[in-house]
């Protein structure tokens, strides 16, 4: 069932309109935004940015889906960890009880450093993955479009041959 669902998504992805370059860039931008600490507005950011740049909006939205309810805890934990190490935060923020006023105030007080660490980590992880995503999608779309163009060309040749035969037969039938 999961394989069938993945195949349907893959087949639908291949049918996105645009050049392989536009689609690859849209997907790469979506991946990059997916690693930013902007959950909740990622799709809006991706659509806005791709609209300005005239890249594929659909590919960007698909790329953003790298961050979803299943993967977000892992992605954000890793980007925070990486960013906090690079910024030089001595120890990560530890909150023991989320339901107290003190813990809420601690989170608000440390929000800028948390956001900075996650942003830096997201950039460091997102940029290389976006580059890889672009290359994979560009190659995939180029192959698909070349195969599609070859099929169209082959069909056009067959139609022309049939039309030529039909015209020859009509000429022979007429007195």
C-alpha atoms as a PDB file:
ATOM      1  CA  UNK A   1       0.000   0.000   0.000  1.00  0.00           C
ATOM      2  CA  UNK A   2       2.790   2.444   0.880  1.00  0.00           C
ATOM      3  CA  UNK A   3       4.666   1.523  -2.293  1.00  0.00           C
ATOM      4  CA  UNK A   4       1.539   2.118  -4.378  1.00  0.00           C
ATOM      5  CA  UNK A   5       1.023   5.496  -2.707  1.00  0.00           C
ATOM      6  CA  UNK A   6       4.673   6.445  -3.281  1.00  0.00           C
ATOM      7  CA  UNK A   7       4.392   5.390  -6.936  1.00  0.00           C
ATOM      8  CA  UNK A   8       1.314   7.585  -7.391  1.00  0.00           C
ATOM      9  CA  UNK A   9       3.132  10.554  -5.861  1.00  0.00           C
ATOM     10  CA  UNK A  10       6.157   9.884  -8.072  1.00  0.00           C
ATOM     11  CA  UNK A  11       4.001   9.607 -11.203  1.00  0.00           C
ATOM     12  CA  UNK A  12       2.186  12.825 -10.308  1.00  0.00           C
ATOM     13  CA  UNK A  13       5.485  14.579  -9.629  1.00  0.00           C
ATOM     14  CA  UNK A  14       6.747  13.663 -13.095  1.00  0.00           C
ATOM     15  CA  UNK A  15       3.717  15.347 -14.652  1.00  0.00           C
ATOM     16  CA  UNK A  16       4.430  18.765 -13.136  1.00  0.00           C
ATOM     17  CA  UNK A  17       4.539  21.366 -15.876  1.00  0.00           C
ATOM     18  CA  UNK A  18       7.701  23.339 -16.435  1.00  0.00           C
ATOM     19  CA  UNK A  19      11.283  22.861 -17.442  1.00  0.00           C
ATOM     20  CA  UNK A  20      13.447  20.449 -15.462  1.00  0.00           C
ATOM     21  CA  UNK A  21      15.438  23.466 -14.259  1.00  0.00           C
ATOM     22  CA  UNK A  22      12.340  25.291 -12.903  1.00  0.00           C
ATOM     23  CA  UNK A  23      11.016  22.148 -11.247  1.00  0.00           C
ATOM     24  CA  UNK A  24      14.405  21.260  -9.755  1.00  0.00           C
ATOM     25  CA  UNK A  25      14.881  24.772  -8.394  1.00  0.00           C
ATOM     26  CA  UNK A  26      11.377  24.782  -6.899  1.00  0.00           C
ATOM     27  CA  UNK A  27      11.983  21.446  -5.203  1.00  0.00           C
ATOM     28  CA  UNK A  28      15.390  22.559  -3.912  1.00  0.00           C
ATOM     29  CA  UNK A  29      13.903  25.747  -2.470  1.00  0.00           C
ATOM     30  CA  UNK A  30      11.155  23.707  -0.821  1.00  0.00           C
ATOM     31  CA  UNK A  31      13.718  21.392   0.759  1.00  0.00           C
ATOM     32  CA  UNK A  32      15.737  24.343   2.015  1.00  0.00           C
ATOM     33  CA  UNK A  33      12.664  25.993   3.544  1.00  0.00           C
ATOM     34  CA  UNK A  34      11.700  22.623   5.035  1.00  0.00           C
ATOM     35  CA  UNK A  35      14.856  22.722   7.165  1.00  0.00           C
ATOM     36  CA  UNK A  36      14.201  26.244   8.407  1.00  0.00           C
ATOM     37  CA  UNK A  37      12.515  26.750  11.786  1.00  0.00           C
ATOM     38  CA  UNK A  38       9.365  28.088  10.182  1.00  0.00           C
ATOM     39  CA  UNK A  39       6.914  25.246  10.677  1.00  0.00           C
ATOM     40  CA  UNK A  40       3.385  26.413  10.102  1.00  0.00           C
ATOM     41  CA  UNK A  41       4.267  28.945   7.415  1.00  0.00           C
ATOM     42  CA  UNK A  42       6.644  26.881   5.279  1.00  0.00           C
ATOM     43  CA  UNK A  43       4.175  26.267   2.461  1.00  0.00           C
ATOM     44  CA  UNK A  44       3.251  29.950   2.317  1.00  0.00           C
ATOM     45  CA  UNK A  45       6.948  30.905   2.255  1.00  0.00           C
ATOM     46  CA  UNK A  46       7.662  28.394  -0.505  1.00  0.00           C
ATOM     47  CA  UNK A  47       4.760  29.565  -2.675  1.00  0.00           C
ATOM     48  CA  UNK A  48       5.649  33.223  -2.159  1.00  0.00           C
ATOM     49  CA  UNK A  49       9.338  32.714  -2.989  1.00  0.00           C
ATOM     50  CA  UNK A  50       8.692  30.525  -6.035  1.00  0.00           C
ATOM     51  CA  UNK A  51       6.124  33.021  -7.318  1.00  0.00           C
ATOM     52  CA  UNK A  52       8.742  35.775  -7.197  1.00  0.00           C
ATOM     53  CA  UNK A  53      11.409  33.590  -8.813  1.00  0.00           C
ATOM     54  CA  UNK A  54       9.037  31.937 -11.345  1.00  0.00           C
ATOM     55  CA  UNK A  55       9.989  28.433 -10.273  1.00  0.00           C
ATOM     56  CA  UNK A  56       7.653  25.476  -9.772  1.00  0.00           C
ATOM     57  CA  UNK A  57       5.274  26.096  -6.879  1.00  0.00           C
ATOM     58  CA  UNK A  58       4.060  22.485  -6.794  1.00  0.00           C
ATOM     59  CA  UNK A  59       7.615  21.128  -6.608  1.00  0.00           C
ATOM     60  CA  UNK A  60       8.411  23.573  -3.795  1.00  0.00           C
ATOM     61  CA  UNK A  61       5.376  22.484  -1.784  1.00  0.00           C
ATOM     62  CA  UNK A  62       6.387  18.857  -2.257  1.00  0.00           C
ATOM     63  CA  UNK A  63       9.934  19.674  -1.128  1.00  0.00           C
ATOM     64  CA  UNK A  64       8.651  21.421   2.012  1.00  0.00           C
ATOM     65  CA  UNK A  65       6.925  18.196   3.024  1.00  0.00           C
ATOM     66  CA  UNK A  66      10.299  16.855   4.167  1.00  0.00           C
ATOM     67  CA  UNK A  67       9.270  18.436   7.468  1.00  0.00           C
ATOM     68  CA  UNK A  68       6.079  16.770   8.591  1.00  0.00           C
ATOM     69  CA  UNK A  69       4.723  15.644  11.966  1.00  0.00           C
ATOM     70  CA  UNK A  70       6.795  12.452  11.802  1.00  0.00           C
ATOM     71  CA  UNK A  71      10.134  13.950  10.739  1.00  0.00           C
ATOM     72  CA  UNK A  72       9.939  17.390  12.424  1.00  0.00           C
ATOM     73  CA  UNK A  73      11.152  16.275  15.877  1.00  0.00           C
ATOM     74  CA  UNK A  74      14.216  14.648  14.336  1.00  0.00           C
ATOM     75  CA  UNK A  75      14.965  17.464  11.890  1.00  0.00           C
ATOM     76  CA  UNK A  76      14.505  20.271  14.410  1.00  0.00           C
ATOM     77  CA  UNK A  77      16.438  18.429  17.117  1.00  0.00           C
ATOM     78  CA  UNK A  78      19.338  17.864  14.751  1.00  0.00           C
ATOM     79  CA  UNK A  79      19.365  21.428  13.378  1.00  0.00           C
ATOM     80  CA  UNK A  80      19.192  22.821  16.930  1.00  0.00           C
ATOM     81  CA  UNK A  81      21.995  20.526  18.092  1.00  0.00           C
ATOM     82  CA  UNK A  82      24.215  21.408  15.123  1.00  0.00           C
ATOM     83  CA  UNK A  83      23.483  25.127  15.349  1.00  0.00           C
ATOM     84  CA  UNK A  84      24.013  25.264  19.124  1.00  0.00           C
ATOM     85  CA  UNK A  85      27.409  23.570  18.752  1.00  0.00           C
ATOM     86  CA  UNK A  86      28.476  26.058  16.097  1.00  0.00           C
ATOM     87  CA  UNK A  87      27.198  29.099  17.990  1.00  0.00           C
ATOM     88  CA  UNK A  88      28.944  27.839  21.087  1.00  0.00           C
ATOM     89  CA  UNK A  89      26.022  27.364  23.445  1.00  0.00           C
ATOM     90  CA  UNK A  90      27.429  25.580  26.481  1.00  0.00           C
ATOM     91  CA  UNK A  91      24.413  23.449  27.176  1.00  0.00           C
ATOM     92  CA  UNK A  92      21.152  23.000  25.348  1.00  0.00           C
ATOM     93  CA  UNK A  93      18.001  24.384  26.868  1.00  0.00           C
ATOM     94  CA  UNK A  94      16.409  21.861  29.221  1.00  0.00           C
ATOM     95  CA  UNK A  95      12.792  22.225  30.218  1.00  0.00           C
ATOM     96  CA  UNK A  96      11.567  19.734  32.766  1.00  0.00           C
ATOM     97  CA  UNK A  97       7.897  20.643  33.004  1.00  0.00           C
ATOM     98  CA  UNK A  98       6.134  22.329  30.101  1.00  0.00           C
ATOM     99  CA  UNK A  99       3.000  23.155  32.104  1.00  0.00           C
ATOM    100  CA  UNK A 100       4.424  25.752  34.470  1.00  0.00           C
ATOM    101  CA  UNK A 101       4.751  29.518  34.178  1.00  0.00           C
ATOM    102  CA  UNK A 102       8.479  29.241  34.888  1.00  0.00           C
ATOM    103  CA  UNK A 103       9.064  26.863  31.991  1.00  0.00           C
ATOM    104  CA  UNK A 104       7.030  29.078  29.647  1.00  0.00           C
ATOM    105  CA  UNK A 105       9.049  32.133  30.714  1.00  0.00           C
ATOM    106  CA  UNK A 106      12.309  30.205  30.227  1.00  0.00           C
ATOM    107  CA  UNK A 107      11.254  29.249  26.700  1.00  0.00           C
ATOM    108  CA  UNK A 108      10.340  32.849  25.848  1.00  0.00           C
ATOM    109  CA  UNK A 109      13.563  34.145  27.369  1.00  0.00           C
ATOM    110  CA  UNK A 110      15.700  31.690  25.368  1.00  0.00           C
ATOM    111  CA  UNK A 111      13.663  31.881  22.133  1.00  0.00           C
ATOM    112  CA  UNK A 112      16.177  34.081  20.258  1.00  0.00           C
ATOM    113  CA  UNK A 113      19.088  31.698  20.879  1.00  0.00           C
ATOM    114  CA  UNK A 114      16.930  28.657  20.077  1.00  0.00           C
ATOM    115  CA  UNK A 115      15.784  30.276  16.833  1.00  0.00           C
ATOM    116  CA  UNK A 116      19.350  31.326  15.931  1.00  0.00           C
ATOM    117  CA  UNK A 117      20.709  27.830  16.566  1.00  0.00           C
ATOM    118  CA  UNK A 118      17.924  26.179  14.555  1.00  0.00           C
ATOM    119  CA  UNK A 119      18.331  28.670  11.710  1.00  0.00           C
ATOM    120  CA  UNK A 120      22.092  28.143  11.467  1.00  0.00           C
ATOM    121  CA  UNK A 121      21.695  24.365  11.694  1.00  0.00           C
ATOM    122  CA  UNK A 122      18.902  24.477   9.120  1.00  0.00           C
ATOM    123  CA  UNK A 123      21.054  26.436   6.686  1.00  0.00           C
ATOM    124  CA  UNK A 124      23.997  24.064   7.115  1.00  0.00           C
ATOM    125  CA  UNK A 125      21.842  20.978   6.582  1.00  0.00           C
ATOM    126  CA  UNK A 126      19.385  22.483   4.102  1.00  0.00           C
ATOM    127  CA  UNK A 127      21.846  23.909   1.573  1.00  0.00           C
ATOM    128  CA  UNK A 128      23.636  20.667   0.664  1.00  0.00           C
ATOM    129  CA  UNK A 129      20.373  18.699   0.690  1.00  0.00           C
ATOM    130  CA  UNK A 130      18.757  21.329  -1.549  1.00  0.00           C
ATOM    131  CA  UNK A 131      21.672  21.053  -3.995  1.00  0.00           C
ATOM    132  CA  UNK A 132      21.381  17.256  -4.035  1.00  0.00           C
ATOM    133  CA  UNK A 133      17.589  17.519  -4.391  1.00  0.00           C
ATOM    134  CA  UNK A 134      17.981  19.859  -7.358  1.00  0.00           C
ATOM    135  CA  UNK A 135      20.352  17.472  -9.136  1.00  0.00           C
ATOM    136  CA  UNK A 136      18.163  14.425  -8.525  1.00  0.00           C
ATOM    137  CA  UNK A 137      14.944  16.151  -9.629  1.00  0.00           C
ATOM    138  CA  UNK A 138      16.596  17.821 -12.627  1.00  0.00           C
ATOM    139  CA  UNK A 139      17.933  14.478 -13.863  1.00  0.00           C
ATOM    140  CA  UNK A 140      14.654  12.703 -13.168  1.00  0.00           C
ATOM    141  CA  UNK A 141      12.581  15.343 -14.985  1.00  0.00           C
ATOM    142  CA  UNK A 142      15.001  15.510 -17.924  1.00  0.00           C
ATOM    143  CA  UNK A 143      14.822  11.737 -18.438  1.00  0.00           C
ATOM    144  CA  UNK A 144      11.037  11.704 -18.173  1.00  0.00           C
ATOM    145  CA  UNK A 145      10.583  14.597 -20.593  1.00  0.00           C
ATOM    146  CA  UNK A 146      13.044  13.076 -23.091  1.00  0.00           C
ATOM    147  CA  UNK A 147      11.135   9.773 -23.032  1.00  0.00           C
ATOM    148  CA  UNK A 148       7.839  11.612 -23.415  1.00  0.00           C
ATOM    149  CA  UNK A 149       9.155  13.654 -26.355  1.00  0.00           C
ATOM    150  CA  UNK A 150      10.459  10.484 -28.024  1.00  0.00           C
ATOM    151  CA  UNK A 151       7.025   8.840 -27.646  1.00  0.00           C
ATOM    152  CA  UNK A 152       5.301  11.902 -29.074  1.00  0.00           C
ATOM    153  CA  UNK A 153       7.739  12.013 -32.001  1.00  0.00           C
ATOM    154  CA  UNK A 154       7.217   8.306 -32.664  1.00  0.00           C
ATOM    155  CA  UNK A 155       3.434   8.726 -32.556  1.00  0.00           C
ATOM    156  CA  UNK A 156       3.652  11.697 -34.911  1.00  0.00           C
ATOM    157  CA  UNK A 157       5.697   9.647 -37.379  1.00  0.00           C
ATOM    158  CA  UNK A 158       3.160   6.835 -37.292  1.00  0.00           C
ATOM    159  CA  UNK A 159       0.290   9.251 -37.865  1.00  0.00           C
ATOM    160  CA  UNK A 160       2.128  10.846 -40.803  1.00  0.00           C
ATOM    161  CA  UNK A 161       2.803   7.409 -42.327  1.00  0.00           C
ATOM    162  CA  UNK A 162      -0.858   6.427 -41.986  1.00  0.00           C
ATOM    163  CA  UNK A 163      -1.972   9.740 -43.451  1.00  0.00           C
ATOM    164  CA  UNK A 164       0.404   9.284 -46.382  1.00  0.00           C
ATOM    165  CA  UNK A 165      -0.938   5.761 -47.018  1.00  0.00           C
ATOM    166  CA  UNK A 166      -4.506   7.035 -46.785  1.00  0.00           C
ATOM    167  CA  UNK A 167      -3.811   9.806 -49.318  1.00  0.00           C
ATOM    168  CA  UNK A 168      -2.141   7.343 -51.698  1.00  0.00           C
ATOM    169  CA  UNK A 169      -5.128   4.983 -51.470  1.00  0.00           C
ATOM    170  CA  UNK A 170      -7.553   7.847 -52.138  1.00  0.00           C
ATOM    171  CA  UNK A 171      -5.614   8.894 -55.231  1.00  0.00           C
ATOM    172  CA  UNK A 172      -5.747   5.328 -56.595  1.00  0.00           C
ATOM    173  CA  UNK A 173      -9.488   5.024 -55.946  1.00  0.00           C
ATOM    174  CA  UNK A 174     -10.426   8.213 -57.836  1.00  0.00           C
ATOM    175  CA  UNK A 175     -11.016   7.772 -61.624  1.00  0.00           C
END
